[in-house]
Amino acid sequence: MIKVSVMYPNTPGARFDHDYYRDTHLPLLKARMGDACLYYTIDKAICGRTPDEPAPYIAMCHIFSESLETFQAGIAPHAEEIVADIANYTDLTPARQISEVVVGH
């Protein structure tokens, strides 16, 4: 299993609409990818290492798929639409990482 992490840096003054991300963007991604997206999670930042320290990322999502090939086949036909939707909820450029899930739930 793989996990695709998409992380949005916590940049002062940046725009990020958490409601749109939760209610529209990620459901759009899941609808387009179908079974290639087993499930996803969304993280909304609270703080960094201490309660007074800002979190390094304002939000993250983690998309789980059986394999890199399955993920790529599921996202490729819809990548342009999904990327174009980013402007509807943020002006940030996300960082992405693909990882092998070694231990799961």
N, C-alpha and C. Protein backbone atom coordinates (compact mmCIF):
# COMPACT_ATOMS: atom_id res chain seq x y z
N MET A 1 0.86 -1.17 0.00
CA MET A 1 0.00 0.00 0.00
C MET A 1 0.90 1.24 0.00
N ILE A 2 0.44 2.28 -0.66
CA ILE A 2 1.16 3.54 -0.66
C ILE A 2 0.28 4.65 -0.09
N LYS A 3 0.96 5.71 0.33
CA LYS A 3 0.27 6.90 0.83
C LYS A 3 0.85 8.10 0.10
N VAL A 4 -0.03 8.89 -0.49
CA VAL A 4 0.38 10.13 -1.12
C VAL A 4 0.02 11.25 -0.15
N SER A 5 1.04 11.95 0.34
CA SER A 5 0.84 13.05 1.28
C SER A 5 0.96 14.36 0.53
N VAL A 6 -0.02 15.23 0.73
CA VAL A 6 -0.02 16.56 0.13
C VAL A 6 -0.06 17.54 1.29
N MET A 7 0.99 18.38 1.41
CA MET A 7 1.17 19.23 2.58
C MET A 7 1.25 20.69 2.16
N TYR A 8 0.49 21.53 2.85
CA TYR A 8 0.40 22.95 2.53
C TYR A 8 1.15 23.75 3.58
N PRO A 9 2.26 24.43 3.21
CA PRO A 9 3.06 25.15 4.19
C PRO A 9 2.25 26.25 4.89
N ASN A 10 2.50 26.39 6.16
CA ASN A 10 1.80 27.39 6.98
C ASN A 10 2.50 28.73 6.78
N THR A 11 2.12 29.43 5.74
CA THR A 11 2.74 30.69 5.36
C THR A 11 1.87 31.85 5.84
N PRO A 12 2.42 32.78 6.61
CA PRO A 12 1.62 33.92 7.09
C PRO A 12 0.97 34.66 5.92
N GLY A 13 -0.32 34.96 6.08
CA GLY A 13 -1.06 35.70 5.07
C GLY A 13 -1.61 34.86 3.94
N ALA A 14 -1.28 33.60 3.91
CA ALA A 14 -1.78 32.73 2.84
C ALA A 14 -3.27 32.44 3.06
N ARG A 15 -3.94 32.11 1.97
CA ARG A 15 -5.37 31.78 2.01
C ARG A 15 -5.51 30.26 1.94
N PHE A 16 -6.32 29.71 2.86
CA PHE A 16 -6.64 28.28 2.83
C PHE A 16 -8.04 28.09 3.38
N ASP A 17 -8.95 27.60 2.55
CA ASP A 17 -10.35 27.38 2.92
C ASP A 17 -10.52 25.92 3.32
N HIS A 18 -10.45 25.65 4.62
CA HIS A 18 -10.54 24.27 5.13
C HIS A 18 -11.88 23.62 4.78
N ASP A 19 -12.96 24.39 4.82
CA ASP A 19 -14.28 23.83 4.52
C ASP A 19 -14.36 23.36 3.06
N TYR A 20 -13.87 24.18 2.15
CA TYR A 20 -13.88 23.79 0.73
C TYR A 20 -13.00 22.56 0.52
N TYR A 21 -11.85 22.53 1.16
CA TYR A 21 -10.93 21.39 1.03
C TYR A 21 -11.61 20.10 1.48
N ARG A 22 -12.29 20.17 2.64
CA ARG A 22 -12.95 19.00 3.20
C ARG A 22 -14.22 18.61 2.43
N ASP A 23 -15.04 19.61 2.09
CA ASP A 23 -16.37 19.34 1.54
C ASP A 23 -16.42 19.22 0.03
N THR A 24 -15.43 19.77 -0.67
CA THR A 24 -15.49 19.79 -2.13
C THR A 24 -14.26 19.17 -2.79
N HIS A 25 -13.07 19.65 -2.43
CA HIS A 25 -11.87 19.21 -3.17
C HIS A 25 -11.57 17.72 -3.00
N LEU A 26 -11.48 17.26 -1.75
CA LEU A 26 -11.15 15.85 -1.55
C LEU A 26 -12.27 14.91 -2.00
N PRO A 27 -13.55 15.25 -1.80
CA PRO A 27 -14.59 14.41 -2.40
C PRO A 27 -14.51 14.37 -3.93
N LEU A 28 -14.13 15.48 -4.56
CA LEU A 28 -13.93 15.49 -6.02
C LEU A 28 -12.83 14.51 -6.40
N LEU A 29 -11.71 14.58 -5.71
CA LEU A 29 -10.60 13.66 -5.99
C LEU A 29 -11.04 12.21 -5.84
N LYS A 30 -11.72 11.88 -4.75
CA LYS A 30 -12.19 10.51 -4.51
C LYS A 30 -13.17 10.07 -5.60
N ALA A 31 -14.08 10.95 -5.98
CA ALA A 31 -15.07 10.61 -7.02
C ALA A 31 -14.37 10.31 -8.35
N ARG A 32 -13.37 11.11 -8.69
CA ARG A 32 -12.67 10.90 -9.96
C ARG A 32 -11.79 9.66 -9.92
N MET A 33 -11.13 9.41 -8.81
CA MET A 33 -10.21 8.27 -8.71
C MET A 33 -10.94 6.95 -8.49
N GLY A 34 -12.13 6.99 -7.92
CA GLY A 34 -12.87 5.77 -7.65
C GLY A 34 -12.10 4.85 -6.71
N ASP A 35 -12.07 3.57 -7.04
CA ASP A 35 -11.43 2.57 -6.19
C ASP A 35 -9.91 2.69 -6.15
N ALA A 36 -9.32 3.50 -7.03
CA ALA A 36 -7.87 3.71 -6.99
C ALA A 36 -7.49 4.48 -5.72
N CYS A 37 -8.45 5.21 -5.15
CA CYS A 37 -8.28 5.87 -3.85
C CYS A 37 -9.04 5.02 -2.84
N LEU A 38 -8.34 4.24 -2.05
CA LEU A 38 -9.00 3.40 -1.06
C LEU A 38 -9.71 4.27 -0.03
N TYR A 39 -9.01 5.29 0.46
CA TYR A 39 -9.57 6.27 1.37
C TYR A 39 -8.57 7.41 1.50
N TYR A 40 -8.99 8.48 2.14
CA TYR A 40 -8.09 9.59 2.40
C TYR A 40 -8.35 10.12 3.80
N THR A 41 -7.36 10.83 4.33
CA THR A 41 -7.52 11.52 5.60
C THR A 41 -7.12 12.99 5.39
N ILE A 42 -7.64 13.85 6.23
CA ILE A 42 -7.31 15.27 6.17
C ILE A 42 -6.85 15.69 7.56
N ASP A 43 -5.74 16.42 7.60
CA ASP A 43 -5.22 16.98 8.85
C ASP A 43 -5.35 18.49 8.80
N LYS A 44 -5.86 19.08 9.88
CA LYS A 44 -5.93 20.54 10.02
C LYS A 44 -5.02 20.91 11.19
N ALA A 45 -4.04 21.75 10.93
CA ALA A 45 -3.02 22.08 11.92
C ALA A 45 -3.59 22.72 13.18
N ILE A 46 -2.97 22.37 14.29
CA ILE A 46 -3.29 22.99 15.58
C ILE A 46 -2.08 23.81 16.05
N CYS A 47 -0.92 23.18 16.11
CA CYS A 47 0.29 23.87 16.56
C CYS A 47 1.51 23.06 16.16
N GLY A 48 2.66 23.60 16.44
CA GLY A 48 3.92 22.92 16.18
C GLY A 48 4.33 22.08 17.37
N ARG A 49 5.63 22.11 17.68
CA ARG A 49 6.15 21.29 18.78
C ARG A 49 5.62 21.70 20.14
N THR A 50 5.24 22.97 20.28
CA THR A 50 4.67 23.46 21.53
C THR A 50 3.36 24.18 21.19
N PRO A 51 2.49 24.37 22.15
CA PRO A 51 1.22 25.05 21.88
C PRO A 51 1.39 26.46 21.32
N ASP A 52 2.53 27.10 21.60
CA ASP A 52 2.76 28.47 21.14
C ASP A 52 3.47 28.54 19.78
N GLU A 53 3.92 27.43 19.28
CA GLU A 53 4.67 27.40 18.01
C GLU A 53 3.73 27.07 16.85
N PRO A 54 3.78 27.85 15.78
CA PRO A 54 2.92 27.53 14.63
C PRO A 54 3.32 26.19 13.99
N ALA A 55 2.34 25.50 13.49
CA ALA A 55 2.59 24.23 12.79
C ALA A 55 3.30 24.52 11.47
N PRO A 56 4.17 23.62 11.02
CA PRO A 56 4.86 23.85 9.75
C PRO A 56 3.92 23.78 8.54
N TYR A 57 2.83 23.04 8.66
CA TYR A 57 1.86 22.91 7.58
C TYR A 57 0.49 23.29 8.10
N ILE A 58 -0.27 24.08 7.31
CA ILE A 58 -1.61 24.51 7.72
C ILE A 58 -2.63 23.38 7.53
N ALA A 59 -2.35 22.50 6.56
CA ALA A 59 -3.22 21.36 6.29
C ALA A 59 -2.44 20.30 5.53
N MET A 60 -2.92 19.07 5.63
CA MET A 60 -2.35 17.95 4.89
C MET A 60 -3.48 17.00 4.52
N CYS A 61 -3.29 16.29 3.43
CA CYS A 61 -4.15 15.15 3.16
C CYS A 61 -3.25 13.97 2.85
N HIS A 62 -3.79 12.79 3.07
CA HIS A 62 -3.08 11.54 2.82
C HIS A 62 -4.04 10.64 2.04
N ILE A 63 -3.62 10.28 0.85
CA ILE A 63 -4.44 9.47 -0.05
C ILE A 63 -3.83 8.08 -0.09
N PHE A 64 -4.63 7.07 0.19
CA PHE A 64 -4.14 5.70 0.25
C PHE A 64 -4.58 4.93 -0.99
N SER A 65 -3.62 4.18 -1.55
CA SER A 65 -3.88 3.40 -2.76
C SER A 65 -3.11 2.10 -2.67
N GLU A 66 -3.57 1.09 -3.40
CA GLU A 66 -2.92 -0.23 -3.36
C GLU A 66 -1.47 -0.18 -3.82
N SER A 67 -1.18 0.62 -4.84
CA SER A 67 0.18 0.68 -5.38
C SER A 67 0.38 2.02 -6.08
N LEU A 68 1.63 2.32 -6.38
CA LEU A 68 1.93 3.54 -7.12
C LEU A 68 1.29 3.49 -8.50
N GLU A 69 1.32 2.33 -9.14
CA GLU A 69 0.73 2.18 -10.46
C GLU A 69 -0.79 2.40 -10.42
N THR A 70 -1.44 1.87 -9.40
CA THR A 70 -2.88 2.05 -9.25
C THR A 70 -3.21 3.53 -9.04
N PHE A 71 -2.44 4.19 -8.19
CA PHE A 71 -2.65 5.62 -7.94
C PHE A 71 -2.48 6.41 -9.23
N GLN A 72 -1.39 6.18 -9.94
CA GLN A 72 -1.12 6.93 -11.16
C GLN A 72 -2.20 6.71 -12.21
N ALA A 73 -2.66 5.47 -12.35
CA ALA A 73 -3.72 5.18 -13.32
C ALA A 73 -5.03 5.86 -12.92
N GLY A 74 -5.28 5.98 -11.62
CA GLY A 74 -6.52 6.60 -11.15
C GLY A 74 -6.52 8.12 -11.24
N ILE A 75 -5.36 8.73 -11.04
CA ILE A 75 -5.30 10.19 -11.01
C ILE A 75 -5.02 10.80 -12.39
N ALA A 76 -4.25 10.11 -13.21
CA ALA A 76 -3.78 10.68 -14.48
C ALA A 76 -4.88 11.27 -15.35
N PRO A 77 -6.00 10.57 -15.56
CA PRO A 77 -7.03 11.13 -16.44
C PRO A 77 -7.71 12.39 -15.88
N HIS A 78 -7.53 12.64 -14.58
CA HIS A 78 -8.24 13.73 -13.92
C HIS A 78 -7.29 14.76 -13.30
N ALA A 79 -6.00 14.60 -13.50
CA ALA A 79 -5.01 15.46 -12.84
C ALA A 79 -5.21 16.93 -13.16
N GLU A 80 -5.49 17.24 -14.41
CA GLU A 80 -5.67 18.64 -14.80
C GLU A 80 -6.84 19.28 -14.05
N GLU A 81 -7.96 18.57 -13.95
CA GLU A 81 -9.13 19.09 -13.24
C GLU A 81 -8.85 19.25 -11.74
N ILE A 82 -8.18 18.27 -11.16
CA ILE A 82 -7.90 18.30 -9.72
C ILE A 82 -6.92 19.43 -9.40
N VAL A 83 -5.88 19.57 -10.19
CA VAL A 83 -4.91 20.65 -9.97
C VAL A 83 -5.55 22.02 -10.17
N ALA A 84 -6.41 22.15 -11.17
CA ALA A 84 -7.09 23.43 -11.42
C ALA A 84 -7.98 23.83 -10.24
N ASP A 85 -8.50 22.86 -9.51
CA ASP A 85 -9.38 23.16 -8.38
C ASP A 85 -8.63 23.73 -7.18
N ILE A 86 -7.32 23.57 -7.12
CA ILE A 86 -6.54 24.06 -5.98
C ILE A 86 -6.76 25.56 -5.77
N ALA A 87 -6.85 26.32 -6.84
CA ALA A 87 -7.05 27.78 -6.73
C ALA A 87 -8.35 28.14 -6.02
N ASN A 88 -9.30 27.22 -5.96
CA ASN A 88 -10.57 27.50 -5.28
C ASN A 88 -10.46 27.49 -3.76
N TYR A 89 -9.39 26.92 -3.21
CA TYR A 89 -9.28 26.89 -1.75
C TYR A 89 -7.96 27.44 -1.20
N THR A 90 -6.95 27.65 -2.04
CA THR A 90 -5.69 28.17 -1.50
C THR A 90 -4.86 28.87 -2.57
N ASP A 91 -3.94 29.71 -2.08
CA ASP A 91 -2.94 30.31 -2.96
C ASP A 91 -1.55 29.71 -2.67
N LEU A 92 -1.52 28.65 -1.89
CA LEU A 92 -0.27 27.97 -1.55
C LEU A 92 0.09 26.91 -2.58
N THR A 93 1.37 26.62 -2.69
CA THR A 93 1.85 25.52 -3.52
C THR A 93 2.14 24.34 -2.59
N PRO A 94 1.43 23.23 -2.76
CA PRO A 94 1.64 22.12 -1.84
C PRO A 94 2.94 21.36 -2.12
N ALA A 95 3.46 20.76 -1.06
CA ALA A 95 4.55 19.80 -1.17
C ALA A 95 3.92 18.41 -1.23
N ARG A 96 4.52 17.51 -1.99
CA ARG A 96 3.97 16.16 -2.13
C ARG A 96 5.03 15.13 -1.82
N GLN A 97 4.57 14.03 -1.23
CA GLN A 97 5.47 12.90 -0.99
C GLN A 97 4.68 11.62 -1.14
N ILE A 98 5.28 10.63 -1.79
CA ILE A 98 4.68 9.31 -1.92
C ILE A 98 5.52 8.35 -1.08
N SER A 99 4.84 7.61 -0.21
CA SER A 99 5.52 6.71 0.71
C SER A 99 4.91 5.32 0.66
N GLU A 100 5.72 4.34 0.94
CA GLU A 100 5.21 2.99 1.15
C GLU A 100 4.73 2.91 2.59
N VAL A 101 3.52 2.38 2.80
CA VAL A 101 3.01 2.22 4.15
C VAL A 101 3.60 0.93 4.71
N VAL A 102 4.43 1.08 5.72
CA VAL A 102 5.12 -0.07 6.30
C VAL A 102 4.29 -0.67 7.43
N VAL A 103 3.69 0.19 8.24
CA VAL A 103 2.79 -0.25 9.33
C VAL A 103 1.53 0.57 9.19
N GLY A 104 0.38 -0.08 9.14
CA GLY A 104 -0.90 0.61 9.02
C GLY A 104 -1.74 0.44 10.26
N HIS A 105 -3.01 0.78 10.11
CA HIS A 105 -3.91 0.69 11.26
C HIS A 105 -4.36 -0.71 11.51
